Amino acid sequence: MQPLSDSSDDLETARSISGTQPALAWLVRPALVAVCVYFLAACATRSSSNASDAVAREASPPVLQPVPVDLKRYMGRWYTIATVPYLSERDYVGSYADWKLRKDGRIDDNYFGRRYGFDQPLTGGTLVASVVPGSGGGKWRVTILWPITVVVLTVYVDPEYRYTVRCEEGGSPIWILSRTPDMDDDVYASLVSRLAGMGIRTERLRRVPQHPEQIGQPGFMAPR
């Protein structure tokens, strides 16, 4: 399968389709999920102190630190090889991100994919990320739907900037990304092992089909 068209063409495509329902849903649903989680947490009552402590110990997220990145090298296209996805990402194949550094230091965080299959149109949209000062470029605050933001960490990037791993502060969602649509199984296994070594739960990781023949294969997401 040939890689998708040049990034500039994709950006024009995204601008023309960003108002369509699939693209809007892709961007808005994570925000709605975040709002629901926030209010459910705020309304939850405490159980007994012993049960509460046990749950806290079990559910304690890992303490993660971002790695420094050279933002200029980090920009460009990254294919989504695997993810613990938002609900709204689960039906997409051929997904990838394309990042562009603005003159003001912010980042255009462009996302693209094909919902339900490779025979479907490319849809996408643009979020805006700000680099958190003092993070060495590895910690971004991404505006999902104003005023809702999420913090995304780069927890690994290889020295050649071929592969990177990103996640939110609590360790999920997770994105394993590559400069090409394909990743060697040994490389993938080493990245998953690296995540586990950080205390990040990886059992819900699913690979994202980047080629039609990968749909339905073990370990890959299956669009509806």
C-alpha atoms as a PDB file:
ATOM      1  CA  MET A   1       0.000   0.000   0.000  1.00  0.00           C
ATOM      2  CA  GLN A   2       1.346   3.412  -0.897  1.00  0.00           C
ATOM      3  CA  PRO A   3       1.626   6.065   1.820  1.00  0.00           C
ATOM      4  CA  LEU A   4      -1.105   8.667   1.834  1.00  0.00           C
ATOM      5  CA  SER A   5      -0.625  11.907  -0.051  1.00  0.00           C
ATOM      6  CA  ASP A   6       1.724  14.746   0.878  1.00  0.00           C
ATOM      7  CA  SER A   7       1.031  16.470   4.186  1.00  0.00           C
ATOM      8  CA  SER A   8       0.158  19.812   2.604  1.00  0.00           C
ATOM      9  CA  ASP A   9      -2.509  18.134   0.480  1.00  0.00           C
ATOM     10  CA  ASP A  10      -3.875  16.384   3.546  1.00  0.00           C
ATOM     11  CA  LEU A  11      -4.090  19.674   5.421  1.00  0.00           C
ATOM     12  CA  GLU A  12      -6.144  21.160   2.597  1.00  0.00           C
ATOM     13  CA  THR A  13      -8.369  18.078   2.669  1.00  0.00           C
ATOM     14  CA  ALA A  14      -8.838  18.450   6.415  1.00  0.00           C
ATOM     15  CA  ARG A  15      -9.818  22.090   6.042  1.00  0.00           C
ATOM     16  CA  SER A  16     -12.467  21.169   3.504  1.00  0.00           C
ATOM     17  CA  ILE A  17     -13.898  18.334   5.595  1.00  0.00           C
ATOM     18  CA  SER A  18     -13.337  19.599   9.121  1.00  0.00           C
ATOM     19  CA  GLY A  19     -16.971  20.594   9.339  1.00  0.00           C
ATOM     20  CA  THR A  20     -18.243  17.120   8.495  1.00  0.00           C
ATOM     21  CA  GLN A  21     -19.858  15.003  11.152  1.00  0.00           C
ATOM     22  CA  PRO A  22     -17.176  12.256  11.385  1.00  0.00           C
ATOM     23  CA  ALA A  23     -14.350  14.763  11.763  1.00  0.00           C
ATOM     24  CA  LEU A  24     -16.253  16.838  14.307  1.00  0.00           C
ATOM     25  CA  ALA A  25     -17.152  13.743  16.292  1.00  0.00           C
ATOM     26  CA  TRP A  26     -13.516  12.666  16.352  1.00  0.00           C
ATOM     27  CA  LEU A  27     -12.529  15.945  17.996  1.00  0.00           C
ATOM     28  CA  VAL A  28     -15.539  16.601  20.227  1.00  0.00           C
ATOM     29  CA  ARG A  29     -16.184  13.162  21.710  1.00  0.00           C
ATOM     30  CA  PRO A  30     -12.973  13.067  23.772  1.00  0.00           C
ATOM     31  CA  ALA A  31     -13.998  16.381  25.307  1.00  0.00           C
ATOM     32  CA  LEU A  32     -17.459  15.068  26.152  1.00  0.00           C
ATOM     33  CA  VAL A  33     -15.922  11.967  27.700  1.00  0.00           C
ATOM     34  CA  ALA A  34     -13.643  14.175  29.800  1.00  0.00           C
ATOM     35  CA  VAL A  35     -16.579  16.266  30.999  1.00  0.00           C
ATOM     36  CA  CYS A  36     -18.619  13.175  31.927  1.00  0.00           C
ATOM     37  CA  VAL A  37     -15.720  11.633  33.812  1.00  0.00           C
ATOM     38  CA  TYR A  38     -15.151  14.879  35.704  1.00  0.00           C
ATOM     39  CA  PHE A  39     -18.745  15.188  36.889  1.00  0.00           C
ATOM     40  CA  LEU A  40     -19.078  11.493  37.717  1.00  0.00           C
ATOM     41  CA  ALA A  41     -15.954  11.726  39.846  1.00  0.00           C
ATOM     42  CA  ALA A  42     -17.228  14.865  41.558  1.00  0.00           C
ATOM     43  CA  CYS A  43     -20.549  13.197  42.414  1.00  0.00           C
ATOM     44  CA  ALA A  44     -19.136   9.878  43.600  1.00  0.00           C
ATOM     45  CA  THR A  45     -19.484   9.053  47.316  1.00  0.00           C
ATOM     46  CA  ARG A  46     -16.766   7.548  49.453  1.00  0.00           C
ATOM     47  CA  SER A  47     -16.952   3.897  50.475  1.00  0.00           C
ATOM     48  CA  SER A  48     -15.374   2.587  53.665  1.00  0.00           C
ATOM     49  CA  SER A  49     -11.851   3.807  54.364  1.00  0.00           C
ATOM     50  CA  ASN A  50     -10.305   0.339  53.970  1.00  0.00           C
ATOM     51  CA  ALA A  51     -11.998  -0.256  50.608  1.00  0.00           C
ATOM     52  CA  SER A  52     -11.091   3.246  49.520  1.00  0.00           C
ATOM     53  CA  ASP A  53      -7.428   2.714  50.353  1.00  0.00           C
ATOM     54  CA  ALA A  54      -7.377  -0.626  48.513  1.00  0.00           C
ATOM     55  CA  VAL A  55      -8.904   0.904  45.402  1.00  0.00           C
ATOM     56  CA  ALA A  56      -6.477   3.814  45.560  1.00  0.00           C
ATOM     57  CA  ARG A  57      -3.504   1.471  45.751  1.00  0.00           C
ATOM     58  CA  GLU A  58      -4.826  -0.578  42.831  1.00  0.00           C
ATOM     59  CA  ALA A  59      -5.738   2.404  40.654  1.00  0.00           C
ATOM     60  CA  SER A  60      -2.793   4.688  41.428  1.00  0.00           C
ATOM     61  CA  PRO A  61      -1.496   5.971  38.090  1.00  0.00           C
ATOM     62  CA  PRO A  62       2.232   5.863  37.389  1.00  0.00           C
ATOM     63  CA  VAL A  63       4.274   8.997  37.959  1.00  0.00           C
ATOM     64  CA  LEU A  64       5.509   9.803  34.472  1.00  0.00           C
ATOM     65  CA  GLN A  65       8.074  12.319  33.329  1.00  0.00           C
ATOM     66  CA  PRO A  66       8.351  13.656  29.780  1.00  0.00           C
ATOM     67  CA  VAL A  67      11.556  13.197  27.848  1.00  0.00           C
ATOM     68  CA  PRO A  68      13.065  16.251  26.138  1.00  0.00           C
ATOM     69  CA  VAL A  69      12.526  16.477  22.395  1.00  0.00           C
ATOM     70  CA  ASP A  70      13.906  18.593  19.576  1.00  0.00           C
ATOM     71  CA  LEU A  71      10.636  20.118  18.442  1.00  0.00           C
ATOM     72  CA  LYS A  72      11.828  20.850  14.914  1.00  0.00           C
ATOM     73  CA  ARG A  73      12.850  17.213  14.428  1.00  0.00           C
ATOM     74  CA  TYR A  74       9.684  16.032  16.139  1.00  0.00           C
ATOM     75  CA  MET A  75       7.338  17.784  13.738  1.00  0.00           C
ATOM     76  CA  GLY A  76       5.837  16.140  10.662  1.00  0.00           C
ATOM     77  CA  ARG A  77       3.919  12.944  10.047  1.00  0.00           C
ATOM     78  CA  TRP A  78       3.599  10.127  12.568  1.00  0.00           C
ATOM     79  CA  TYR A  79       1.542   7.009  11.847  1.00  0.00           C
ATOM     80  CA  THR A  80      -0.476   5.509  14.711  1.00  0.00           C
ATOM     81  CA  ILE A  81       0.848   1.983  15.125  1.00  0.00           C
ATOM     82  CA  ALA A  82      -1.000   1.168  18.333  1.00  0.00           C
ATOM     83  CA  THR A  83      -3.167   2.909  20.879  1.00  0.00           C
ATOM     84  CA  VAL A  84      -5.336   2.623  23.923  1.00  0.00           C
ATOM     85  CA  PRO A  85      -7.911   4.753  22.176  1.00  0.00           C
ATOM     86  CA  TYR A  86     -10.577   7.223  23.035  1.00  0.00           C
ATOM     87  CA  LEU A  87     -13.994   5.785  22.216  1.00  0.00           C
ATOM     88  CA  SER A  88     -14.152   8.038  19.168  1.00  0.00           C
ATOM     89  CA  GLU A  89     -10.887   6.625  17.749  1.00  0.00           C
ATOM     90  CA  ARG A  90     -11.886   2.967  17.742  1.00  0.00           C
ATOM     91  CA  ASP A  91     -13.450   2.798  14.296  1.00  0.00           C
ATOM     92  CA  TYR A  92     -10.575   4.474  12.440  1.00  0.00           C
ATOM     93  CA  VAL A  93      -7.940   2.857  10.240  1.00  0.00           C
ATOM     94  CA  GLY A  94      -4.909   4.354   8.542  1.00  0.00           C
ATOM     95  CA  SER A  95      -4.691   6.933  11.326  1.00  0.00           C
ATOM     96  CA  TYR A  96      -1.821   9.369  11.572  1.00  0.00           C
ATOM     97  CA  ALA A  97      -0.867  12.720  13.039  1.00  0.00           C
ATOM     98  CA  ASP A  98       0.863  15.604  11.321  1.00  0.00           C
ATOM     99  CA  TRP A  99       2.388  18.251  13.563  1.00  0.00           C
ATOM    100  CA  LYS A 100       3.412  21.722  12.481  1.00  0.00           C
ATOM    101  CA  LEU A 101       5.326  24.203  14.636  1.00  0.00           C
ATOM    102  CA  ARG A 102       3.920  27.715  14.514  1.00  0.00           C
ATOM    103  CA  LYS A 103       5.987  30.885  14.680  1.00  0.00           C
ATOM    104  CA  ASP A 104       4.501  31.646  18.105  1.00  0.00           C
ATOM    105  CA  GLY A 105       5.751  28.310  19.468  1.00  0.00           C
ATOM    106  CA  ARG A 106       2.378  26.580  19.521  1.00  0.00           C
ATOM    107  CA  ILE A 107       1.760  23.418  17.516  1.00  0.00           C
ATOM    108  CA  ASP A 108      -0.930  22.559  14.989  1.00  0.00           C
ATOM    109  CA  ASP A 109      -1.906  19.036  16.016  1.00  0.00           C
ATOM    110  CA  ASN A 110      -3.521  17.594  12.880  1.00  0.00           C
ATOM    111  CA  TYR A 111      -5.181  14.175  12.918  1.00  0.00           C
ATOM    112  CA  PHE A 112      -6.373  12.070   9.997  1.00  0.00           C
ATOM    113  CA  GLY A 113      -7.977   8.685   9.469  1.00  0.00           C
ATOM    114  CA  ARG A 114     -10.589   6.681   7.624  1.00  0.00           C
ATOM    115  CA  ARG A 115     -13.659   5.706   9.606  1.00  0.00           C
ATOM    116  CA  TYR A 116     -14.861   2.100   9.237  1.00  0.00           C
ATOM    117  CA  GLY A 117     -12.432   1.101   6.457  1.00  0.00           C
ATOM    118  CA  PHE A 118      -9.857   1.993   3.824  1.00  0.00           C
ATOM    119  CA  ASP A 119     -12.599   2.475   1.246  1.00  0.00           C
ATOM    120  CA  GLN A 120     -13.958   5.408   3.262  1.00  0.00           C
ATOM    121  CA  PRO A 121     -12.963   9.071   2.786  1.00  0.00           C
ATOM    122  CA  LEU A 122     -10.096  10.596   4.709  1.00  0.00           C
ATOM    123  CA  THR A 123     -11.363  12.791   7.540  1.00  0.00           C
ATOM    124  CA  GLY A 124      -9.547  14.821  10.112  1.00  0.00           C
ATOM    125  CA  GLY A 125      -9.201  18.018  12.034  1.00  0.00           C
ATOM    126  CA  THR A 126      -6.787  20.270  13.867  1.00  0.00           C
ATOM    127  CA  LEU A 127      -6.199  20.811  17.572  1.00  0.00           C
ATOM    128  CA  VAL A 128      -3.767  23.344  18.990  1.00  0.00           C
ATOM    129  CA  ALA A 129      -1.070  22.366  21.487  1.00  0.00           C
ATOM    130  CA  SER A 130       1.112  24.526  23.701  1.00  0.00           C
ATOM    131  CA  VAL A 131       4.429  23.293  25.051  1.00  0.00           C
ATOM    132  CA  VAL A 132       4.522  23.410  28.846  1.00  0.00           C
ATOM    133  CA  PRO A 133       7.439  25.645  29.904  1.00  0.00           C
ATOM    134  CA  GLY A 134      10.352  23.791  31.464  1.00  0.00           C
ATOM    135  CA  SER A 135       9.376  20.428  29.954  1.00  0.00           C
ATOM    136  CA  GLY A 136      12.051  20.383  27.272  1.00  0.00           C
ATOM    137  CA  GLY A 137       9.368  20.136  24.612  1.00  0.00           C
ATOM    138  CA  GLY A 138       8.065  16.795  25.872  1.00  0.00           C
ATOM    139  CA  LYS A 139       4.906  17.979  27.617  1.00  0.00           C
ATOM    140  CA  TRP A 140       2.061  19.488  25.612  1.00  0.00           C
ATOM    141  CA  ARG A 141      -1.193  21.016  26.759  1.00  0.00           C
ATOM    142  CA  VAL A 142      -3.701  20.265  24.002  1.00  0.00           C
ATOM    143  CA  THR A 143      -6.965  22.171  23.705  1.00  0.00           C
ATOM    144  CA  ILE A 144      -9.689  19.654  22.856  1.00  0.00           C
ATOM    145  CA  LEU A 145     -12.680  21.969  23.040  1.00  0.00           C
ATOM    146  CA  TRP A 146     -12.197  25.284  24.830  1.00  0.00           C
ATOM    147  CA  PRO A 147     -11.801  25.462  27.812  1.00  0.00           C
ATOM    148  CA  ILE A 148     -11.113  21.722  28.073  1.00  0.00           C
ATOM    149  CA  THR A 149      -7.469  20.722  27.733  1.00  0.00           C
ATOM    150  CA  VAL A 150      -5.492  17.535  28.208  1.00  0.00           C
ATOM    151  CA  VAL A 151      -1.805  17.128  28.960  1.00  0.00           C
ATOM    152  CA  VAL A 152       0.071  14.746  26.674  1.00  0.00           C
ATOM    153  CA  LEU A 153       3.571  13.516  27.498  1.00  0.00           C
ATOM    154  CA  THR A 154       6.269  12.204  25.216  1.00  0.00           C
ATOM    155  CA  VAL A 155       7.645   9.367  27.326  1.00  0.00           C
ATOM    156  CA  TYR A 156       9.989   7.970  24.670  1.00  0.00           C
ATOM    157  CA  VAL A 157      11.518   8.901  21.341  1.00  0.00           C
ATOM    158  CA  ASP A 158      14.391   6.989  19.765  1.00  0.00           C
ATOM    159  CA  PRO A 159      17.610   8.867  18.931  1.00  0.00           C
ATOM    160  CA  GLU A 160      16.825   8.869  15.185  1.00  0.00           C
ATOM    161  CA  TYR A 161      13.242  10.113  15.732  1.00  0.00           C
ATOM    162  CA  ARG A 162      11.777   7.076  13.962  1.00  0.00           C
ATOM    163  CA  TYR A 163       9.493   5.985  16.811  1.00  0.00           C
ATOM    164  CA  THR A 164       7.843   7.754  19.699  1.00  0.00           C
ATOM    165  CA  VAL A 165       5.464   6.906  22.523  1.00  0.00           C
ATOM    166  CA  ARG A 166       3.011   9.395  23.974  1.00  0.00           C
ATOM    167  CA  CYS A 167       0.350   9.213  26.652  1.00  0.00           C
ATOM    168  CA  GLU A 168      -1.710  11.367  28.931  1.00  0.00           C
ATOM    169  CA  GLU A 169      -0.403  12.074  32.431  1.00  0.00           C
ATOM    170  CA  GLY A 170      -2.173   9.103  34.004  1.00  0.00           C
ATOM    171  CA  GLY A 171      -0.704   6.655  31.481  1.00  0.00           C
ATOM    172  CA  SER A 172      -3.785   6.328  29.258  1.00  0.00           C
ATOM    173  CA  PRO A 173      -4.693   6.844  26.451  1.00  0.00           C
ATOM    174  CA  ILE A 174      -1.436   5.710  24.841  1.00  0.00           C
ATOM    175  CA  TRP A 175      -0.146   6.244  21.314  1.00  0.00           C
ATOM    176  CA  ILE A 176       2.758   4.327  19.755  1.00  0.00           C
ATOM    177  CA  LEU A 177       3.782   6.238  16.643  1.00  0.00           C
ATOM    178  CA  SER A 178       6.150   5.660  13.740  1.00  0.00           C
ATOM    179  CA  ARG A 179       7.450   7.711  10.844  1.00  0.00           C
ATOM    180  CA  THR A 180       6.329   4.928   8.488  1.00  0.00           C
ATOM    181  CA  PRO A 181       3.080   2.903   8.390  1.00  0.00           C
ATOM    182  CA  ASP A 182       4.956  -0.278   9.305  1.00  0.00           C
ATOM    183  CA  MET A 183       6.809  -1.294  12.453  1.00  0.00           C
ATOM    184  CA  ASP A 184       8.908  -4.398  12.977  1.00  0.00           C
ATOM    185  CA  ASP A 185       7.366  -6.769  15.533  1.00  0.00           C
ATOM    186  CA  ASP A 186      10.538  -6.763  17.632  1.00  0.00           C
ATOM    187  CA  VAL A 187      10.557  -2.964  17.770  1.00  0.00           C
ATOM    188  CA  TYR A 188       6.890  -2.933  18.731  1.00  0.00           C
ATOM    189  CA  ALA A 189       7.466  -5.499  21.482  1.00  0.00           C
ATOM    190  CA  SER A 190      10.381  -3.476  22.853  1.00  0.00           C
ATOM    191  CA  LEU A 191       8.237  -0.329  23.034  1.00  0.00           C
ATOM    192  CA  VAL A 192       5.434  -2.177  24.825  1.00  0.00           C
ATOM    193  CA  SER A 193       7.997  -3.591  27.257  1.00  0.00           C
ATOM    194  CA  ARG A 194       9.359  -0.097  27.835  1.00  0.00           C
ATOM    195  CA  LEU A 195       5.865   1.147  28.683  1.00  0.00           C
ATOM    196  CA  ALA A 196       5.319  -1.713  31.119  1.00  0.00           C
ATOM    197  CA  GLY A 197       8.620  -0.848  32.779  1.00  0.00           C
ATOM    198  CA  MET A 198       7.267   2.653  33.443  1.00  0.00           C
ATOM    199  CA  GLY A 199       4.299   1.171  35.274  1.00  0.00           C
ATOM    200  CA  ILE A 200       1.888   1.821  32.396  1.00  0.00           C
ATOM    201  CA  ARG A 201      -0.778  -0.827  31.864  1.00  0.00           C
ATOM    202  CA  THR A 202      -0.511  -2.157  28.322  1.00  0.00           C
ATOM    203  CA  GLU A 203      -3.100  -4.943  28.191  1.00  0.00           C
ATOM    204  CA  ARG A 204      -5.610  -2.693  26.404  1.00  0.00           C
ATOM    205  CA  LEU A 205      -3.176  -1.645  23.673  1.00  0.00           C
ATOM    206  CA  ARG A 206      -4.481  -2.432  20.201  1.00  0.00           C
ATOM    207  CA  ARG A 207      -2.655  -2.059  16.913  1.00  0.00           C
ATOM    208  CA  VAL A 208      -4.186   0.252  14.331  1.00  0.00           C
ATOM    209  CA  PRO A 209      -4.554  -1.192  10.815  1.00  0.00           C
ATOM    210  CA  GLN A 210      -2.398   0.752   8.375  1.00  0.00           C
ATOM    211  CA  HIS A 211      -3.088  -1.680   5.514  1.00  0.00           C
ATOM    212  CA  PRO A 212      -6.391  -3.374   4.537  1.00  0.00           C
ATOM    213  CA  GLU A 213      -5.029  -6.872   5.141  1.00  0.00           C
ATOM    214  CA  GLN A 214      -4.369  -6.041   8.803  1.00  0.00           C
ATOM    215  CA  ILE A 215      -8.074  -5.625   9.610  1.00  0.00           C
ATOM    216  CA  GLY A 216      -9.229  -8.607  11.660  1.00  0.00           C
ATOM    217  CA  GLN A 217      -5.719  -9.804  12.466  1.00  0.00           C
ATOM    218  CA  PRO A 218      -4.999 -10.736  16.116  1.00  0.00           C
ATOM    219  CA  GLY A 219      -4.133  -7.717  18.226  1.00  0.00           C
ATOM    220  CA  PHE A 220      -5.499  -5.187  15.719  1.00  0.00           C
ATOM    221  CA  MET A 221      -8.523  -2.972  16.185  1.00  0.00           C
ATOM    222  CA  ALA A 222     -11.531  -4.028  14.144  1.00  0.00           C
ATOM    223  CA  PRO A 223     -13.734  -1.180  12.910  1.00  0.00           C
ATOM    224  CA  ARG A 224     -17.459  -1.816  12.979  1.00  0.00           C
END
